[in-house]
Amino acid sequence: MSHFEVRRGLTLIEILVAITLIVLLTGVYFMVANPGGQLAASRNNARSLNLETIMIAIRQNIADQGSETFSCSSGALPAAPTDMSSASGGYNIAPCLVPNYLPAMPVDPAASSSYYRSPTDYDTGYTIMQNSSGSITLAAPNAELQTVITLTR
């Protein structure tokens, strides 16, 4: 036998190098993949699709009236951006669209105040307005990634 014993295992230097490599690779992954940004972009896409869905329902209501005006028990569409909600101060549009044109009101996917329970209890997280020329604008004020999401028709 020799004076030297064979030891198995990793040295402190090898462990530090391995940890450093793991940290660097993880950092590169988060810089390239940006999962938070991808999730925010997907929520923005959902917001755009929700506004399209609501606009199509509004246009179907207008087409059914045959008079080029939106018919709703809540009255004329507001001239300034107003929340689409059942709360006081909001424009209560759900009873005019659900269930004839929509099964339920779409809501903002991430706004903490957005919910839909029924046509009489909801807050979409979106706004609606009609300008003097008759164009209707829907907006998603809680859009992420410094994006402005509006739809005008």
N, C-alpha and C. Protein backbone atom coordinates (compact mmCIF):
# COMPACT_ATOMS: atom_id res chain seq x y z
N MET A 1 0.84 -1.17 0.00
CA MET A 1 0.00 0.00 0.00
C MET A 1 0.88 1.23 0.00
N SER A 2 0.32 2.30 -0.53
CA SER A 2 1.09 3.55 -0.62
C SER A 2 0.72 4.48 0.51
N HIS A 3 1.47 5.58 0.57
CA HIS A 3 1.21 6.59 1.61
C HIS A 3 -0.05 7.40 1.33
N PHE A 4 -0.47 7.37 0.11
CA PHE A 4 -1.61 8.20 -0.28
C PHE A 4 -2.89 7.37 -0.30
N GLU A 5 -3.91 7.92 0.30
CA GLU A 5 -5.21 7.26 0.25
C GLU A 5 -6.01 7.88 -0.88
N VAL A 6 -6.75 7.10 -1.54
CA VAL A 6 -7.61 7.60 -2.62
C VAL A 6 -8.93 8.03 -1.98
N ARG A 7 -9.24 9.29 -2.16
CA ARG A 7 -10.49 9.82 -1.60
C ARG A 7 -11.46 10.07 -2.75
N ARG A 8 -12.66 9.75 -2.53
CA ARG A 8 -13.70 9.98 -3.54
C ARG A 8 -14.56 11.13 -3.06
N GLY A 9 -15.04 11.94 -4.02
CA GLY A 9 -15.88 13.07 -3.69
C GLY A 9 -15.44 14.30 -4.46
N LEU A 10 -16.08 15.39 -4.20
CA LEU A 10 -15.80 16.63 -4.90
C LEU A 10 -15.05 17.59 -4.00
N THR A 11 -14.17 18.35 -4.60
CA THR A 11 -13.46 19.37 -3.82
C THR A 11 -14.32 20.62 -3.75
N LEU A 12 -13.97 21.50 -2.88
CA LEU A 12 -14.69 22.77 -2.73
C LEU A 12 -14.64 23.56 -4.03
N ILE A 13 -13.54 23.57 -4.71
CA ILE A 13 -13.40 24.30 -5.98
C ILE A 13 -14.36 23.73 -7.03
N GLU A 14 -14.46 22.43 -7.12
CA GLU A 14 -15.37 21.81 -8.09
C GLU A 14 -16.83 22.16 -7.78
N ILE A 15 -17.18 22.18 -6.53
CA ILE A 15 -18.55 22.54 -6.14
C ILE A 15 -18.83 24.00 -6.50
N LEU A 16 -17.91 24.89 -6.20
CA LEU A 16 -18.10 26.31 -6.53
C LEU A 16 -18.21 26.53 -8.03
N VAL A 17 -17.42 25.84 -8.82
CA VAL A 17 -17.50 25.96 -10.28
C VAL A 17 -18.87 25.47 -10.76
N ALA A 18 -19.34 24.37 -10.23
CA ALA A 18 -20.65 23.84 -10.64
C ALA A 18 -21.77 24.82 -10.28
N ILE A 19 -21.73 25.38 -9.09
CA ILE A 19 -22.76 26.35 -8.67
C ILE A 19 -22.71 27.59 -9.56
N THR A 20 -21.53 28.07 -9.87
CA THR A 20 -21.38 29.24 -10.73
C THR A 20 -21.97 28.97 -12.11
N LEU A 21 -21.71 27.81 -12.66
CA LEU A 21 -22.27 27.46 -13.97
C LEU A 21 -23.80 27.40 -13.92
N ILE A 22 -24.35 26.84 -12.88
CA ILE A 22 -25.80 26.77 -12.74
C ILE A 22 -26.40 28.17 -12.66
N VAL A 23 -25.80 29.04 -11.88
CA VAL A 23 -26.29 30.42 -11.74
C VAL A 23 -26.22 31.14 -13.09
N LEU A 24 -25.13 31.00 -13.80
CA LEU A 24 -24.98 31.66 -15.10
C LEU A 24 -26.00 31.14 -16.11
N LEU A 25 -26.18 29.85 -16.18
CA LEU A 25 -27.15 29.28 -17.13
C LEU A 25 -28.58 29.69 -16.78
N THR A 26 -28.90 29.74 -15.50
CA THR A 26 -30.23 30.18 -15.09
C THR A 26 -30.45 31.64 -15.46
N GLY A 27 -29.44 32.46 -15.24
CA GLY A 27 -29.55 33.87 -15.60
C GLY A 27 -29.74 34.07 -17.09
N VAL A 28 -29.02 33.33 -17.89
CA VAL A 28 -29.16 33.41 -19.35
C VAL A 28 -30.56 32.97 -19.76
N TYR A 29 -31.06 31.90 -19.16
CA TYR A 29 -32.41 31.42 -19.46
C TYR A 29 -33.44 32.51 -19.22
N PHE A 30 -33.39 33.16 -18.07
CA PHE A 30 -34.39 34.17 -17.74
C PHE A 30 -34.25 35.40 -18.61
N MET A 31 -33.05 35.70 -19.07
CA MET A 31 -32.89 36.84 -19.97
C MET A 31 -33.43 36.51 -21.36
N VAL A 32 -33.24 35.28 -21.81
CA VAL A 32 -33.68 34.90 -23.15
C VAL A 32 -35.16 34.54 -23.16
N ALA A 33 -35.58 33.71 -22.24
CA ALA A 33 -36.95 33.22 -22.24
C ALA A 33 -37.95 34.25 -21.73
N ASN A 34 -37.58 35.04 -20.72
CA ASN A 34 -38.46 36.05 -20.14
C ASN A 34 -39.87 35.51 -19.91
N PRO A 35 -40.03 34.52 -19.06
CA PRO A 35 -41.36 33.95 -18.86
C PRO A 35 -42.39 34.96 -18.35
N GLY A 36 -41.97 35.91 -17.54
CA GLY A 36 -42.92 36.93 -17.06
C GLY A 36 -43.43 37.78 -18.21
N GLY A 37 -42.55 38.15 -19.12
CA GLY A 37 -42.96 38.93 -20.29
C GLY A 37 -43.86 38.14 -21.21
N GLN A 38 -43.58 36.85 -21.35
CA GLN A 38 -44.42 36.01 -22.20
C GLN A 38 -45.82 35.87 -21.60
N LEU A 39 -45.90 35.73 -20.29
CA LEU A 39 -47.21 35.64 -19.65
C LEU A 39 -47.98 36.95 -19.79
N ALA A 40 -47.30 38.07 -19.62
CA ALA A 40 -47.95 39.37 -19.78
C ALA A 40 -48.43 39.56 -21.22
N ALA A 41 -47.63 39.13 -22.19
CA ALA A 41 -48.03 39.24 -23.60
C ALA A 41 -49.25 38.37 -23.89
N SER A 42 -49.31 37.19 -23.28
CA SER A 42 -50.48 36.33 -23.50
C SER A 42 -51.73 36.93 -22.86
N ARG A 43 -51.58 37.58 -21.70
CA ARG A 43 -52.74 38.25 -21.09
C ARG A 43 -53.19 39.42 -21.96
N ASN A 44 -52.25 40.16 -22.56
CA ASN A 44 -52.62 41.24 -23.47
C ASN A 44 -53.35 40.70 -24.68
N ASN A 45 -52.92 39.55 -25.18
CA ASN A 45 -53.61 38.92 -26.30
C ASN A 45 -55.04 38.55 -25.91
N ALA A 46 -55.21 38.03 -24.70
CA ALA A 46 -56.55 37.69 -24.21
C ALA A 46 -57.41 38.96 -24.11
N ARG A 47 -56.81 40.06 -23.67
CA ARG A 47 -57.56 41.32 -23.58
C ARG A 47 -58.04 41.76 -24.97
N SER A 48 -57.16 41.69 -25.96
CA SER A 48 -57.53 42.07 -27.32
C SER A 48 -58.67 41.20 -27.84
N LEU A 49 -58.57 39.90 -27.61
CA LEU A 49 -59.63 38.99 -28.04
C LEU A 49 -60.94 39.27 -27.31
N ASN A 50 -60.87 39.59 -26.02
CA ASN A 50 -62.08 39.92 -25.26
C ASN A 50 -62.75 41.17 -25.83
N LEU A 51 -61.96 42.20 -26.15
CA LEU A 51 -62.54 43.41 -26.73
C LEU A 51 -63.19 43.10 -28.07
N GLU A 52 -62.56 42.26 -28.89
CA GLU A 52 -63.15 41.85 -30.18
C GLU A 52 -64.49 41.15 -29.95
N THR A 53 -64.53 40.26 -28.96
CA THR A 53 -65.75 39.52 -28.66
C THR A 53 -66.88 40.47 -28.24
N ILE A 54 -66.57 41.40 -27.38
CA ILE A 54 -67.58 42.37 -26.93
C ILE A 54 -68.05 43.23 -28.10
N MET A 55 -67.10 43.69 -28.93
CA MET A 55 -67.46 44.53 -30.07
C MET A 55 -68.36 43.77 -31.05
N ILE A 56 -68.08 42.51 -31.30
CA ILE A 56 -68.92 41.72 -32.20
C ILE A 56 -70.33 41.62 -31.63
N ALA A 57 -70.46 41.41 -30.33
CA ALA A 57 -71.78 41.34 -29.70
C ALA A 57 -72.52 42.67 -29.82
N ILE A 58 -71.81 43.77 -29.62
CA ILE A 58 -72.42 45.10 -29.76
C ILE A 58 -72.89 45.30 -31.20
N ARG A 59 -72.07 44.92 -32.16
CA ARG A 59 -72.43 45.07 -33.58
C ARG A 59 -73.61 44.17 -33.94
N GLN A 60 -73.70 42.99 -33.34
CA GLN A 60 -74.86 42.14 -33.58
C GLN A 60 -76.12 42.78 -33.03
N ASN A 61 -76.04 43.41 -31.87
CA ASN A 61 -77.17 44.12 -31.28
C ASN A 61 -77.61 45.25 -32.23
N ILE A 62 -76.64 46.01 -32.72
CA ILE A 62 -76.95 47.12 -33.64
C ILE A 62 -77.61 46.59 -34.91
N ALA A 63 -77.09 45.51 -35.45
CA ALA A 63 -77.66 44.93 -36.68
C ALA A 63 -79.10 44.47 -36.44
N ASP A 64 -79.37 43.89 -35.29
CA ASP A 64 -80.72 43.44 -34.97
C ASP A 64 -81.71 44.59 -34.84
N GLN A 65 -81.22 45.77 -34.44
CA GLN A 65 -82.11 46.93 -34.28
C GLN A 65 -82.51 47.49 -35.64
N GLY A 66 -81.62 47.37 -36.61
CA GLY A 66 -81.90 47.89 -37.95
C GLY A 66 -81.89 49.40 -38.02
N SER A 67 -81.41 50.07 -36.97
CA SER A 67 -81.44 51.53 -36.96
C SER A 67 -80.06 52.14 -36.77
N GLU A 68 -79.02 51.31 -36.84
CA GLU A 68 -77.63 51.77 -36.66
C GLU A 68 -77.36 52.36 -35.28
N THR A 69 -78.20 52.00 -34.30
CA THR A 69 -77.95 52.44 -32.92
C THR A 69 -77.96 51.23 -31.99
N PHE A 70 -77.20 51.35 -30.93
CA PHE A 70 -77.14 50.29 -29.93
C PHE A 70 -78.35 50.43 -29.03
N SER A 71 -79.04 49.33 -28.81
CA SER A 71 -80.23 49.35 -27.96
C SER A 71 -79.92 48.67 -26.64
N CYS A 72 -80.11 49.43 -25.55
CA CYS A 72 -79.82 48.88 -24.24
C CYS A 72 -80.70 49.57 -23.19
N SER A 73 -81.15 48.80 -22.25
CA SER A 73 -81.97 49.37 -21.18
C SER A 73 -81.16 50.35 -20.32
N SER A 74 -79.83 50.28 -20.41
CA SER A 74 -78.97 51.21 -19.67
C SER A 74 -78.87 52.57 -20.34
N GLY A 75 -79.48 52.71 -21.51
CA GLY A 75 -79.46 53.98 -22.22
C GLY A 75 -78.38 54.03 -23.28
N ALA A 76 -78.18 55.21 -23.82
CA ALA A 76 -77.19 55.41 -24.87
C ALA A 76 -75.79 55.12 -24.35
N LEU A 77 -74.92 54.74 -25.26
CA LEU A 77 -73.52 54.51 -24.88
C LEU A 77 -72.91 55.81 -24.37
N PRO A 78 -72.04 55.74 -23.37
CA PRO A 78 -71.46 56.96 -22.80
C PRO A 78 -70.52 57.66 -23.79
N ALA A 79 -70.43 58.99 -23.67
CA ALA A 79 -69.58 59.79 -24.55
C ALA A 79 -68.15 59.88 -24.04
N ALA A 80 -67.89 59.42 -22.84
CA ALA A 80 -66.54 59.40 -22.26
C ALA A 80 -66.24 57.96 -21.82
N PRO A 81 -64.97 57.57 -21.77
CA PRO A 81 -64.65 56.21 -21.35
C PRO A 81 -65.27 55.89 -19.98
N THR A 82 -66.06 54.83 -19.95
CA THR A 82 -66.78 54.44 -18.74
C THR A 82 -66.60 52.94 -18.54
N ASP A 83 -66.38 52.53 -17.30
CA ASP A 83 -66.23 51.10 -16.99
C ASP A 83 -67.48 50.34 -17.39
N MET A 84 -67.27 49.17 -17.97
CA MET A 84 -68.40 48.27 -18.24
C MET A 84 -68.55 47.42 -16.99
N SER A 85 -69.51 47.80 -16.15
CA SER A 85 -69.72 47.09 -14.89
C SER A 85 -71.13 47.34 -14.39
N SER A 86 -71.52 46.53 -13.43
CA SER A 86 -72.84 46.71 -12.82
C SER A 86 -72.79 47.70 -11.67
N ALA A 87 -71.61 48.17 -11.32
CA ALA A 87 -71.45 49.10 -10.20
C ALA A 87 -71.99 50.48 -10.56
N SER A 88 -72.30 51.22 -9.54
CA SER A 88 -72.76 52.59 -9.73
C SER A 88 -71.68 53.39 -10.46
N GLY A 89 -72.05 54.13 -11.47
CA GLY A 89 -71.10 54.91 -12.24
C GLY A 89 -70.58 54.17 -13.45
N GLY A 90 -70.84 52.87 -13.54
CA GLY A 90 -70.42 52.09 -14.69
C GLY A 90 -71.54 52.02 -15.72
N TYR A 91 -71.20 51.60 -16.92
CA TYR A 91 -72.22 51.37 -17.95
C TYR A 91 -72.58 49.90 -17.90
N ASN A 92 -73.81 49.62 -17.51
CA ASN A 92 -74.29 48.25 -17.30
C ASN A 92 -74.73 47.64 -18.62
N ILE A 93 -73.76 47.12 -19.36
CA ILE A 93 -74.01 46.61 -20.70
C ILE A 93 -74.38 45.13 -20.72
N ALA A 94 -74.03 44.37 -19.70
CA ALA A 94 -74.24 42.91 -19.70
C ALA A 94 -75.69 42.51 -19.95
N PRO A 95 -76.69 43.14 -19.32
CA PRO A 95 -78.06 42.69 -19.58
C PRO A 95 -78.48 42.86 -21.04
N CYS A 96 -77.77 43.71 -21.77
CA CYS A 96 -78.09 43.95 -23.18
C CYS A 96 -77.39 42.97 -24.11
N LEU A 97 -76.40 42.26 -23.60
CA LEU A 97 -75.62 41.34 -24.43
C LEU A 97 -75.73 39.87 -24.00
N VAL A 98 -75.94 39.64 -22.70
CA VAL A 98 -76.01 38.28 -22.16
C VAL A 98 -77.47 37.95 -21.90
N PRO A 99 -77.99 36.86 -22.34
CA PRO A 99 -77.41 35.72 -23.04
C PRO A 99 -77.63 35.75 -24.55
N ASN A 100 -78.27 36.79 -25.10
CA ASN A 100 -78.59 36.79 -26.53
C ASN A 100 -77.37 36.79 -27.43
N TYR A 101 -76.32 37.51 -27.06
CA TYR A 101 -75.14 37.64 -27.92
C TYR A 101 -73.88 37.04 -27.32
N LEU A 102 -73.85 36.91 -26.02
CA LEU A 102 -72.70 36.34 -25.31
C LEU A 102 -73.19 35.41 -24.21
N PRO A 103 -72.48 34.31 -23.95
CA PRO A 103 -72.88 33.47 -22.82
C PRO A 103 -72.55 34.11 -21.48
N ALA A 104 -71.49 34.94 -21.45
CA ALA A 104 -71.07 35.66 -20.25
C ALA A 104 -70.18 36.81 -20.71
N MET A 105 -70.07 37.83 -19.89
CA MET A 105 -69.21 38.95 -20.24
C MET A 105 -67.74 38.57 -20.05
N PRO A 106 -66.91 38.79 -21.06
CA PRO A 106 -65.47 38.57 -20.88
C PRO A 106 -64.91 39.60 -19.90
N VAL A 107 -63.94 39.18 -19.10
CA VAL A 107 -63.33 40.08 -18.12
C VAL A 107 -61.81 40.11 -18.29
N ASP A 108 -61.20 41.18 -17.81
CA ASP A 108 -59.75 41.32 -17.87
C ASP A 108 -59.11 40.14 -17.13
N PRO A 109 -58.13 39.46 -17.76
CA PRO A 109 -57.57 38.26 -17.15
C PRO A 109 -56.70 38.50 -15.92
N ALA A 110 -56.28 39.73 -15.66
CA ALA A 110 -55.38 39.95 -14.53
C ALA A 110 -55.78 41.09 -13.61
N ALA A 111 -56.75 41.91 -13.99
CA ALA A 111 -57.16 43.02 -13.12
C ALA A 111 -57.81 42.45 -11.86
N SER A 112 -57.35 42.89 -10.72
CA SER A 112 -57.83 42.33 -9.45
C SER A 112 -59.31 42.60 -9.21
N SER A 113 -59.85 43.65 -9.82
CA SER A 113 -61.25 43.98 -9.59
C SER A 113 -62.19 43.34 -10.61
N SER A 114 -61.67 42.64 -11.60
CA SER A 114 -62.50 42.07 -12.67
C SER A 114 -63.10 40.74 -12.24
N TYR A 115 -64.39 40.60 -12.51
CA TYR A 115 -65.09 39.35 -12.22
C TYR A 115 -66.41 39.34 -12.98
N TYR A 116 -66.98 38.18 -13.13
CA TYR A 116 -68.31 38.04 -13.70
C TYR A 116 -69.05 36.95 -12.95
N ARG A 117 -70.14 37.33 -12.31
CA ARG A 117 -70.98 36.37 -11.61
C ARG A 117 -72.32 36.21 -12.32
N SER A 118 -72.84 37.33 -12.80
CA SER A 118 -74.12 37.33 -13.52
C SER A 118 -74.25 38.66 -14.25
N PRO A 119 -75.25 38.81 -15.10
CA PRO A 119 -75.43 40.11 -15.79
C PRO A 119 -75.72 41.27 -14.84
N THR A 120 -76.04 40.97 -13.60
CA THR A 120 -76.31 42.04 -12.64
C THR A 120 -75.19 42.20 -11.61
N ASP A 121 -74.14 41.40 -11.74
CA ASP A 121 -73.03 41.46 -10.78
C ASP A 121 -71.72 41.15 -11.51
N TYR A 122 -71.06 42.20 -11.99
CA TYR A 122 -69.83 42.00 -12.75
C TYR A 122 -69.04 43.30 -12.85
N ASP A 123 -67.78 43.16 -13.21
CA ASP A 123 -66.91 44.28 -13.57
C ASP A 123 -65.92 43.72 -14.58
N THR A 124 -66.01 44.16 -15.82
CA THR A 124 -65.19 43.59 -16.89
C THR A 124 -63.73 44.03 -16.81
N GLY A 125 -63.48 45.21 -16.25
CA GLY A 125 -62.13 45.76 -16.28
C GLY A 125 -61.85 46.50 -17.58
N TYR A 126 -62.86 46.62 -18.43
CA TYR A 126 -62.74 47.30 -19.72
C TYR A 126 -63.64 48.54 -19.73
N THR A 127 -63.34 49.46 -20.64
CA THR A 127 -64.15 50.68 -20.77
C THR A 127 -64.80 50.73 -22.14
N ILE A 128 -65.86 51.55 -22.22
CA ILE A 128 -66.59 51.74 -23.46
C ILE A 128 -66.94 53.21 -23.61
N MET A 129 -66.98 53.68 -24.86
CA MET A 129 -67.46 55.03 -25.15
C MET A 129 -67.88 55.09 -26.61
N GLN A 130 -68.73 56.07 -26.92
CA GLN A 130 -69.12 56.32 -28.30
C GLN A 130 -68.89 57.79 -28.57
N ASN A 131 -68.09 58.09 -29.61
CA ASN A 131 -67.80 59.49 -29.90
C ASN A 131 -68.92 60.11 -30.73
N SER A 132 -68.81 61.39 -31.01
CA SER A 132 -69.89 62.13 -31.68
C SER A 132 -70.14 61.64 -33.10
N SER A 133 -69.16 61.02 -33.73
CA SER A 133 -69.37 60.50 -35.09
C SER A 133 -70.01 59.12 -35.09
N GLY A 134 -70.21 58.55 -33.91
CA GLY A 134 -70.87 57.25 -33.79
C GLY A 134 -69.93 56.08 -33.61
N SER A 135 -68.62 56.31 -33.69
CA SER A 135 -67.66 55.22 -33.49
C SER A 135 -67.66 54.78 -32.04
N ILE A 136 -67.59 53.48 -31.85
CA ILE A 136 -67.56 52.91 -30.50
C ILE A 136 -66.12 52.50 -30.21
N THR A 137 -65.62 52.88 -29.04
CA THR A 137 -64.26 52.52 -28.64
C THR A 137 -64.31 51.71 -27.35
N LEU A 138 -63.68 50.55 -27.41
CA LEU A 138 -63.50 49.72 -26.23
C LEU A 138 -62.02 49.77 -25.87
N ALA A 139 -61.70 49.75 -24.58
CA ALA A 139 -60.30 49.83 -24.15
C ALA A 139 -60.05 48.90 -22.97
N ALA A 140 -58.79 48.47 -22.87
CA ALA A 140 -58.32 47.65 -21.76
C ALA A 140 -57.30 48.46 -20.97
N PRO A 141 -57.75 49.24 -19.99
CA PRO A 141 -56.82 50.13 -19.27
C PRO A 141 -55.78 49.41 -18.42
N ASN A 142 -55.96 48.12 -18.16
CA ASN A 142 -54.99 47.38 -17.34
C ASN A 142 -53.99 46.58 -18.17
N ALA A 143 -53.82 46.96 -19.44
CA ALA A 143 -52.88 46.25 -20.30
C ALA A 143 -51.47 46.35 -19.72
N GLU A 144 -50.68 45.32 -19.99
CA GLU A 144 -49.33 45.23 -19.44
C GLU A 144 -48.28 45.52 -20.52
N LEU A 145 -47.03 45.58 -20.09
CA LEU A 145 -45.88 45.81 -20.97
C LEU A 145 -45.97 47.17 -21.66
N GLN A 146 -46.56 48.12 -20.97
CA GLN A 146 -46.70 49.49 -21.49
C GLN A 146 -47.40 49.50 -22.84
N THR A 147 -48.37 48.62 -23.00
CA THR A 147 -49.14 48.49 -24.23
C THR A 147 -50.49 49.18 -24.05
N VAL A 148 -50.95 49.83 -25.12
CA VAL A 148 -52.29 50.44 -25.14
C VAL A 148 -53.15 49.54 -26.00
N ILE A 149 -54.22 49.04 -25.42
CA ILE A 149 -55.12 48.17 -26.16
C ILE A 149 -56.47 48.85 -26.29
N THR A 150 -56.82 49.23 -27.51
CA THR A 150 -58.12 49.82 -27.79
C THR A 150 -58.66 49.21 -29.08
N LEU A 151 -59.95 49.29 -29.23
CA LEU A 151 -60.61 48.81 -30.44
C LEU A 151 -61.70 49.80 -30.77
N THR A 152 -61.66 50.36 -31.97
CA THR A 152 -62.65 51.35 -32.39
C THR A 152 -63.29 50.90 -33.69
N ARG A 153 -64.62 50.95 -33.71
CA ARG A 153 -65.37 50.64 -34.93
C ARG A 153 -66.61 51.49 -34.97
